[in-house]
């Protein structure tokens, strides 16, 4: 796959992600989870008061890196699914053209 194709697919994925986030923001279960996380964050911030600045930086970096890693994994899975869909469509189009 060329760099240009990769960039086009990444642009498509980004636009689809935006649509998915907008839909999630209307999902009552998602909204409730966000509220619960906000409450938990307040409790966690109290716990963080026990740590010095260096320890806090380590903890934050660990969670940020984990979130970033998960984001990259999900993006790659979505990207692979998209490529697989294109291959299936191409296969079906070739199959239909041969059937005539």
C-alpha atoms as a PDB file:
ATOM      1  CA  UNK A   1       0.000   0.000   0.000  1.00  0.00           C
ATOM      2  CA  UNK A   2       1.393   3.401  -0.943  1.00  0.00           C
ATOM      3  CA  UNK A   3       1.965   6.269   1.464  1.00  0.00           C
ATOM      4  CA  UNK A   4      -0.751   8.224  -0.330  1.00  0.00           C
ATOM      5  CA  UNK A   5      -3.242   5.379   0.182  1.00  0.00           C
ATOM      6  CA  UNK A   6      -2.261   5.118   3.842  1.00  0.00           C
ATOM      7  CA  UNK A   7      -2.799   8.857   4.331  1.00  0.00           C
ATOM      8  CA  UNK A   8      -6.187   8.707   2.581  1.00  0.00           C
ATOM      9  CA  UNK A   9      -7.276   5.814   4.818  1.00  0.00           C
ATOM     10  CA  UNK A  10      -6.030   7.600   7.946  1.00  0.00           C
ATOM     11  CA  UNK A  11      -8.043  10.665   6.941  1.00  0.00           C
ATOM     12  CA  UNK A  12     -11.122   8.479   6.424  1.00  0.00           C
ATOM     13  CA  UNK A  13     -10.591   6.810   9.810  1.00  0.00           C
ATOM     14  CA  UNK A  14     -10.248  10.180  11.547  1.00  0.00           C
ATOM     15  CA  UNK A  15     -13.533  11.370  10.068  1.00  0.00           C
ATOM     16  CA  UNK A  16     -15.251   8.125  11.113  1.00  0.00           C
ATOM     17  CA  UNK A  17     -13.810   8.462  14.637  1.00  0.00           C
ATOM     18  CA  UNK A  18     -15.330  11.922  14.925  1.00  0.00           C
ATOM     19  CA  UNK A  19     -18.728  10.530  13.973  1.00  0.00           C
ATOM     20  CA  UNK A  20     -18.335   7.709  16.516  1.00  0.00           C
ATOM     21  CA  UNK A  21     -17.385  10.169  19.295  1.00  0.00           C
ATOM     22  CA  UNK A  22     -20.405  12.316  18.479  1.00  0.00           C
ATOM     23  CA  UNK A  23     -22.642   9.248  18.666  1.00  0.00           C
ATOM     24  CA  UNK A  24     -21.041   8.167  21.960  1.00  0.00           C
ATOM     25  CA  UNK A  25     -21.808  11.577  23.442  1.00  0.00           C
ATOM     26  CA  UNK A  26     -25.500  10.839  22.870  1.00  0.00           C
ATOM     27  CA  UNK A  27     -25.290   7.340  24.414  1.00  0.00           C
ATOM     28  CA  UNK A  28     -26.770   7.350  27.941  1.00  0.00           C
ATOM     29  CA  UNK A  29     -24.528   4.496  29.123  1.00  0.00           C
ATOM     30  CA  UNK A  30     -21.434   6.358  27.908  1.00  0.00           C
ATOM     31  CA  UNK A  31     -22.592   9.569  29.576  1.00  0.00           C
ATOM     32  CA  UNK A  32     -23.130   7.713  32.868  1.00  0.00           C
ATOM     33  CA  UNK A  33     -19.660   6.158  32.702  1.00  0.00           C
ATOM     34  CA  UNK A  34     -18.172   9.623  32.141  1.00  0.00           C
ATOM     35  CA  UNK A  35     -19.992  10.925  35.224  1.00  0.00           C
ATOM     36  CA  UNK A  36     -18.732   8.002  37.307  1.00  0.00           C
ATOM     37  CA  UNK A  37     -15.194   8.643  36.121  1.00  0.00           C
ATOM     38  CA  UNK A  38     -15.447  12.290  37.130  1.00  0.00           C
ATOM     39  CA  UNK A  39     -16.472  11.211  40.650  1.00  0.00           C
ATOM     40  CA  UNK A  40     -13.652   8.668  40.825  1.00  0.00           C
ATOM     41  CA  UNK A  41     -11.167  11.261  39.584  1.00  0.00           C
ATOM     42  CA  UNK A  42     -11.914  13.452  42.590  1.00  0.00           C
ATOM     43  CA  UNK A  43     -11.174  10.526  44.919  1.00  0.00           C
ATOM     44  CA  UNK A  44      -8.009   9.648  43.034  1.00  0.00           C
ATOM     45  CA  UNK A  45      -6.782  13.230  43.230  1.00  0.00           C
ATOM     46  CA  UNK A  46      -7.093  12.975  47.038  1.00  0.00           C
ATOM     47  CA  UNK A  47      -4.978   9.805  46.950  1.00  0.00           C
ATOM     48  CA  UNK A  48      -2.391  11.535  44.770  1.00  0.00           C
ATOM     49  CA  UNK A  49      -1.750  14.018  47.564  1.00  0.00           C
ATOM     50  CA  UNK A  50       0.265  11.260  49.284  1.00  0.00           C
ATOM     51  CA  UNK A  51       2.906  11.258  46.542  1.00  0.00           C
ATOM     52  CA  UNK A  52       5.706  13.679  45.786  1.00  0.00           C
ATOM     53  CA  UNK A  53       5.991  15.392  42.385  1.00  0.00           C
ATOM     54  CA  UNK A  54       8.357  12.804  40.897  1.00  0.00           C
ATOM     55  CA  UNK A  55       6.146   9.889  41.965  1.00  0.00           C
ATOM     56  CA  UNK A  56       3.080  11.642  40.556  1.00  0.00           C
ATOM     57  CA  UNK A  57       4.841  12.263  37.258  1.00  0.00           C
ATOM     58  CA  UNK A  58       5.697   8.554  37.046  1.00  0.00           C
ATOM     59  CA  UNK A  59       2.104   7.526  37.769  1.00  0.00           C
ATOM     60  CA  UNK A  60       0.668   9.989  35.235  1.00  0.00           C
ATOM     61  CA  UNK A  61       3.171   8.948  32.564  1.00  0.00           C
ATOM     62  CA  UNK A  62       2.297   5.285  33.103  1.00  0.00           C
ATOM     63  CA  UNK A  63      -1.421   5.911  32.563  1.00  0.00           C
ATOM     64  CA  UNK A  64      -0.898   8.331  29.672  1.00  0.00           C
ATOM     65  CA  UNK A  65       1.386   5.855  27.906  1.00  0.00           C
ATOM     66  CA  UNK A  66      -1.150   3.061  28.474  1.00  0.00           C
ATOM     67  CA  UNK A  67      -3.956   5.175  27.039  1.00  0.00           C
ATOM     68  CA  UNK A  68      -1.814   6.173  24.067  1.00  0.00           C
ATOM     69  CA  UNK A  69      -0.865   2.531  23.461  1.00  0.00           C
ATOM     70  CA  UNK A  70      -4.503   1.451  23.575  1.00  0.00           C
ATOM     71  CA  UNK A  71      -5.461   4.244  21.191  1.00  0.00           C
ATOM     72  CA  UNK A  72      -2.813   3.127  18.692  1.00  0.00           C
ATOM     73  CA  UNK A  73      -3.937  -0.506  19.003  1.00  0.00           C
ATOM     74  CA  UNK A  74      -7.582   0.394  18.390  1.00  0.00           C
ATOM     75  CA  UNK A  75      -6.641   2.577  15.429  1.00  0.00           C
ATOM     76  CA  UNK A  76      -4.601  -0.256  13.896  1.00  0.00           C
ATOM     77  CA  UNK A  77      -7.474  -2.719  14.410  1.00  0.00           C
ATOM     78  CA  UNK A  78      -9.898  -0.315  12.751  1.00  0.00           C
ATOM     79  CA  UNK A  79      -7.419   0.307   9.936  1.00  0.00           C
ATOM     80  CA  UNK A  80      -6.984  -3.441   9.392  1.00  0.00           C
ATOM     81  CA  UNK A  81     -10.755  -3.957   9.382  1.00  0.00           C
ATOM     82  CA  UNK A  82     -11.121  -1.233   6.783  1.00  0.00           C
ATOM     83  CA  UNK A  83      -8.457  -2.822   4.565  1.00  0.00           C
ATOM     84  CA  UNK A  84     -10.164  -6.208   4.951  1.00  0.00           C
ATOM     85  CA  UNK A  85     -13.504  -4.681   3.917  1.00  0.00           C
ATOM     86  CA  UNK A  86     -11.928  -3.207   0.804  1.00  0.00           C
ATOM     87  CA  UNK A  87     -10.399  -6.577  -0.066  1.00  0.00           C
ATOM     88  CA  UNK A  88     -13.766  -8.312   0.369  1.00  0.00           C
ATOM     89  CA  UNK A  89     -15.497  -5.714  -1.793  1.00  0.00           C
ATOM     90  CA  UNK A  90     -12.802  -6.047  -4.463  1.00  0.00           C
ATOM     91  CA  UNK A  91     -13.141  -9.849  -4.334  1.00  0.00           C
ATOM     92  CA  UNK A  92     -16.933  -9.651  -4.664  1.00  0.00           C
ATOM     93  CA  UNK A  93     -16.656  -7.215  -7.566  1.00  0.00           C
ATOM     94  CA  UNK A  94     -14.188  -9.516  -9.367  1.00  0.00           C
ATOM     95  CA  UNK A  95     -16.448 -12.504  -8.671  1.00  0.00           C
ATOM     96  CA  UNK A  96     -19.517 -10.717 -10.069  1.00  0.00           C
ATOM     97  CA  UNK A  97     -17.584  -9.587 -13.145  1.00  0.00           C
ATOM     98  CA  UNK A  98     -16.542 -13.198 -13.836  1.00  0.00           C
ATOM     99  CA  UNK A  99     -20.095 -14.531 -13.448  1.00  0.00           C
ATOM    100  CA  UNK A 100     -21.743 -12.468 -16.222  1.00  0.00           C
END
